[in-house]
Amino acid sequence: MIATIATAAFVVTAVCAAIRLLRGPTLADRVIALDVVLISLMGGIAVDAAETGETVYLNALVVIAIVGFTATVAVSRFIEHEGTDA
C-alpha cells in the first residue's frame, strides 16, 4: 500500500517536472526539471527495489545518478560560460 502511494507520488512529480521541461523559458529551468525527472525515476526504482527485494536495480540507480550529475555539471558550466567571450 505504501509503495503504491510512493510510486504514484513519484509519477505525479515526474509528470509535473516533464511539463516544466517542455515549457521552461530558460535552459536552467529545463536542466532543473530534468534533474527532478531523474530523481523521480530513481525514487520509483528504489521503491520497487525495496518492495521486491531485488538488488539488481541498485546498479541502475548508481548509473542514473552518475549520468544525471555529470550532465547537470556540464550544462551548468555551459550556462556559466555562455555569456562570456572567452
N, C-alpha and C. Protein backbone atom coordinates (compact mmCIF):
# COMPACT_ATOMS: atom_id res chain seq x y z
N MET A 1 0.82 -1.19 0.00
CA MET A 1 0.00 0.00 0.00
C MET A 1 0.88 1.27 0.00
N ILE A 2 1.86 1.31 0.89
CA ILE A 2 2.74 2.47 0.96
C ILE A 2 3.57 2.60 -0.31
N ALA A 3 4.03 1.47 -0.84
CA ALA A 3 4.82 1.51 -2.07
C ALA A 3 4.01 2.04 -3.23
N THR A 4 2.74 1.70 -3.28
CA THR A 4 1.87 2.20 -4.34
C THR A 4 1.69 3.72 -4.24
N ILE A 5 1.51 4.20 -3.02
CA ILE A 5 1.35 5.64 -2.81
C ILE A 5 2.65 6.37 -3.17
N ALA A 6 3.78 5.82 -2.76
CA ALA A 6 5.06 6.45 -3.08
C ALA A 6 5.31 6.47 -4.58
N THR A 7 5.00 5.36 -5.25
CA THR A 7 5.18 5.31 -6.70
C THR A 7 4.28 6.32 -7.40
N ALA A 8 3.03 6.44 -6.93
CA ALA A 8 2.12 7.42 -7.51
C ALA A 8 2.62 8.84 -7.30
N ALA A 9 3.20 9.10 -6.14
CA ALA A 9 3.75 10.44 -5.88
C ALA A 9 4.93 10.73 -6.80
N PHE A 10 5.77 9.73 -7.02
CA PHE A 10 6.90 9.92 -7.94
C PHE A 10 6.42 10.14 -9.37
N VAL A 11 5.37 9.45 -9.77
CA VAL A 11 4.83 9.64 -11.12
C VAL A 11 4.27 11.05 -11.28
N VAL A 12 3.52 11.51 -10.30
CA VAL A 12 2.96 12.87 -10.36
C VAL A 12 4.08 13.90 -10.42
N THR A 13 5.11 13.70 -9.61
CA THR A 13 6.24 14.62 -9.61
C THR A 13 6.95 14.62 -10.97
N ALA A 14 7.13 13.44 -11.54
CA ALA A 14 7.80 13.35 -12.84
C ALA A 14 6.98 14.01 -13.93
N VAL A 15 5.67 13.86 -13.89
CA VAL A 15 4.81 14.49 -14.90
C VAL A 15 4.87 16.01 -14.78
N CYS A 16 4.80 16.52 -13.56
CA CYS A 16 4.90 17.98 -13.36
C CYS A 16 6.25 18.51 -13.83
N ALA A 17 7.30 17.78 -13.54
CA ALA A 17 8.63 18.20 -13.97
C ALA A 17 8.77 18.10 -15.49
N ALA A 18 8.15 17.10 -16.09
CA ALA A 18 8.20 16.97 -17.55
C ALA A 18 7.49 18.14 -18.23
N ILE A 19 6.42 18.60 -17.63
CA ILE A 19 5.73 19.78 -18.17
C ILE A 19 6.65 20.99 -18.10
N ARG A 20 7.35 21.15 -16.98
CA ARG A 20 8.30 22.25 -16.84
C ARG A 20 9.46 22.09 -17.82
N LEU A 21 9.86 20.85 -18.06
CA LEU A 21 10.93 20.58 -19.01
C LEU A 21 10.54 21.03 -20.41
N LEU A 22 9.30 20.82 -20.78
CA LEU A 22 8.84 21.22 -22.12
C LEU A 22 8.55 22.71 -22.21
N ARG A 23 8.06 23.32 -21.14
CA ARG A 23 7.63 24.71 -21.19
C ARG A 23 8.65 25.69 -20.64
N GLY A 24 9.68 25.20 -19.96
CA GLY A 24 10.63 26.08 -19.28
C GLY A 24 11.17 27.17 -20.17
N PRO A 25 11.08 28.41 -19.72
CA PRO A 25 11.53 29.50 -20.58
C PRO A 25 13.05 29.58 -20.74
N THR A 26 13.79 29.07 -19.77
CA THR A 26 15.25 29.16 -19.86
C THR A 26 15.86 27.77 -19.82
N LEU A 27 17.11 27.71 -20.21
CA LEU A 27 17.83 26.44 -20.18
C LEU A 27 18.01 25.95 -18.75
N ALA A 28 18.21 26.88 -17.82
CA ALA A 28 18.38 26.50 -16.42
C ALA A 28 17.11 25.83 -15.88
N ASP A 29 15.93 26.36 -16.25
CA ASP A 29 14.67 25.72 -15.84
C ASP A 29 14.57 24.31 -16.37
N ARG A 30 14.98 24.12 -17.59
CA ARG A 30 14.91 22.79 -18.19
C ARG A 30 15.89 21.81 -17.53
N VAL A 31 17.06 22.29 -17.17
CA VAL A 31 18.05 21.43 -16.51
C VAL A 31 17.54 21.00 -15.14
N ILE A 32 16.98 21.93 -14.39
CA ILE A 32 16.44 21.58 -13.08
C ILE A 32 15.28 20.62 -13.22
N ALA A 33 14.41 20.83 -14.20
CA ALA A 33 13.29 19.92 -14.43
C ALA A 33 13.78 18.53 -14.81
N LEU A 34 14.82 18.46 -15.61
CA LEU A 34 15.38 17.16 -15.97
C LEU A 34 15.96 16.46 -14.74
N ASP A 35 16.58 17.22 -13.86
CA ASP A 35 17.08 16.64 -12.61
C ASP A 35 15.94 16.08 -11.77
N VAL A 36 14.85 16.82 -11.69
CA VAL A 36 13.69 16.35 -10.92
C VAL A 36 13.11 15.08 -11.54
N VAL A 37 13.05 15.02 -12.87
CA VAL A 37 12.56 13.81 -13.53
C VAL A 37 13.47 12.62 -13.21
N LEU A 38 14.78 12.84 -13.28
CA LEU A 38 15.72 11.76 -12.98
C LEU A 38 15.62 11.32 -11.53
N ILE A 39 15.47 12.25 -10.61
CA ILE A 39 15.34 11.90 -9.21
C ILE A 39 14.04 11.16 -8.96
N SER A 40 12.98 11.56 -9.64
CA SER A 40 11.71 10.83 -9.51
C SER A 40 11.84 9.42 -10.05
N LEU A 41 12.53 9.28 -11.17
CA LEU A 41 12.78 7.94 -11.72
C LEU A 41 13.58 7.10 -10.73
N MET A 42 14.60 7.70 -10.15
CA MET A 42 15.42 6.98 -9.17
C MET A 42 14.60 6.60 -7.94
N GLY A 43 13.74 7.49 -7.51
CA GLY A 43 12.88 7.17 -6.36
C GLY A 43 11.93 6.02 -6.67
N GLY A 44 11.36 6.04 -7.86
CA GLY A 44 10.48 4.93 -8.25
C GLY A 44 11.20 3.61 -8.32
N ILE A 45 12.41 3.63 -8.86
CA ILE A 45 13.22 2.40 -8.93
C ILE A 45 13.57 1.93 -7.52
N ALA A 46 13.91 2.86 -6.63
CA ALA A 46 14.26 2.48 -5.27
C ALA A 46 13.07 1.89 -4.52
N VAL A 47 11.89 2.46 -4.73
CA VAL A 47 10.68 1.91 -4.10
C VAL A 47 10.42 0.51 -4.62
N ASP A 48 10.55 0.31 -5.92
CA ASP A 48 10.34 -1.02 -6.49
C ASP A 48 11.36 -2.01 -5.98
N ALA A 49 12.61 -1.58 -5.87
CA ALA A 49 13.66 -2.46 -5.36
C ALA A 49 13.39 -2.83 -3.90
N ALA A 50 12.93 -1.87 -3.11
CA ALA A 50 12.63 -2.15 -1.71
C ALA A 50 11.43 -3.07 -1.57
N GLU A 51 10.46 -2.89 -2.45
CA GLU A 51 9.24 -3.71 -2.37
C GLU A 51 9.51 -5.15 -2.79
N THR A 52 10.30 -5.35 -3.84
CA THR A 52 10.55 -6.69 -4.34
C THR A 52 11.75 -7.35 -3.69
N GLY A 53 12.65 -6.58 -3.11
CA GLY A 53 13.84 -7.13 -2.50
C GLY A 53 14.95 -7.43 -3.49
N GLU A 54 14.79 -7.01 -4.73
CA GLU A 54 15.81 -7.22 -5.76
C GLU A 54 16.91 -6.16 -5.63
N THR A 55 18.15 -6.59 -5.70
CA THR A 55 19.26 -5.65 -5.61
C THR A 55 19.83 -5.30 -6.99
N VAL A 56 19.30 -5.91 -8.03
CA VAL A 56 19.79 -5.64 -9.39
C VAL A 56 19.54 -4.18 -9.77
N TYR A 57 18.44 -3.63 -9.30
CA TYR A 57 18.07 -2.27 -9.66
C TYR A 57 19.01 -1.22 -9.05
N LEU A 58 19.70 -1.58 -8.00
CA LEU A 58 20.57 -0.62 -7.34
C LEU A 58 21.73 -0.21 -8.23
N ASN A 59 22.19 -1.09 -9.08
CA ASN A 59 23.23 -0.71 -10.05
C ASN A 59 22.70 0.33 -11.02
N ALA A 60 21.46 0.16 -11.45
CA ALA A 60 20.85 1.15 -12.34
C ALA A 60 20.73 2.50 -11.64
N LEU A 61 20.42 2.49 -10.35
CA LEU A 61 20.34 3.75 -9.61
C LEU A 61 21.67 4.49 -9.60
N VAL A 62 22.74 3.76 -9.41
CA VAL A 62 24.07 4.37 -9.40
C VAL A 62 24.39 4.97 -10.76
N VAL A 63 24.10 4.25 -11.82
CA VAL A 63 24.38 4.74 -13.17
C VAL A 63 23.56 5.98 -13.47
N ILE A 64 22.27 5.96 -13.14
CA ILE A 64 21.41 7.12 -13.39
C ILE A 64 21.90 8.33 -12.60
N ALA A 65 22.31 8.12 -11.36
CA ALA A 65 22.80 9.22 -10.53
C ALA A 65 24.08 9.83 -11.11
N ILE A 66 25.00 8.98 -11.56
CA ILE A 66 26.25 9.48 -12.12
C ILE A 66 26.00 10.23 -13.43
N VAL A 67 25.17 9.68 -14.29
CA VAL A 67 24.87 10.34 -15.57
C VAL A 67 24.15 11.66 -15.33
N GLY A 68 23.18 11.68 -14.42
CA GLY A 68 22.45 12.91 -14.12
C GLY A 68 23.35 13.98 -13.55
N PHE A 69 24.21 13.60 -12.62
CA PHE A 69 25.13 14.57 -12.02
C PHE A 69 26.10 15.13 -13.06
N THR A 70 26.65 14.26 -13.88
CA THR A 70 27.60 14.69 -14.90
C THR A 70 26.94 15.63 -15.91
N ALA A 71 25.74 15.29 -16.32
CA ALA A 71 25.02 16.14 -17.28
C ALA A 71 24.70 17.50 -16.67
N THR A 72 24.31 17.52 -15.42
CA THR A 72 23.99 18.78 -14.76
C THR A 72 25.23 19.67 -14.63
N VAL A 73 26.34 19.08 -14.26
CA VAL A 73 27.58 19.86 -14.14
C VAL A 73 28.00 20.39 -15.51
N ALA A 74 27.91 19.57 -16.53
CA ALA A 74 28.32 20.00 -17.87
C ALA A 74 27.44 21.15 -18.37
N VAL A 75 26.14 21.03 -18.20
CA VAL A 75 25.25 22.09 -18.69
C VAL A 75 25.39 23.34 -17.84
N SER A 76 25.60 23.20 -16.54
CA SER A 76 25.77 24.39 -15.71
C SER A 76 27.05 25.14 -16.08
N ARG A 77 28.09 24.40 -16.41
CA ARG A 77 29.32 25.07 -16.87
C ARG A 77 29.08 25.76 -18.21
N PHE A 78 28.29 25.15 -19.07
CA PHE A 78 27.95 25.77 -20.35
C PHE A 78 27.16 27.05 -20.12
N ILE A 79 26.18 27.02 -19.22
CA ILE A 79 25.37 28.21 -18.93
C ILE A 79 26.25 29.30 -18.33
N GLU A 80 27.16 28.91 -17.46
CA GLU A 80 28.05 29.88 -16.81
C GLU A 80 28.92 30.61 -17.83
N HIS A 81 29.42 29.90 -18.83
CA HIS A 81 30.33 30.49 -19.81
C HIS A 81 29.62 30.95 -21.07
N GLU A 82 28.32 30.87 -21.10
CA GLU A 82 27.56 31.23 -22.29
C GLU A 82 27.67 32.73 -22.62
N GLY A 83 27.68 33.56 -21.60
CA GLY A 83 27.70 35.00 -21.82
C GLY A 83 29.08 35.58 -22.01
N THR A 84 30.13 34.81 -21.75
CA THR A 84 31.49 35.35 -21.87
C THR A 84 32.02 35.15 -23.28
N ASP A 85 33.01 35.95 -23.65
CA ASP A 85 33.60 35.85 -24.97
C ASP A 85 34.87 35.00 -24.98
N ALA A 86 35.21 34.40 -23.88
CA ALA A 86 36.46 33.64 -23.76
C ALA A 86 36.43 32.34 -24.47
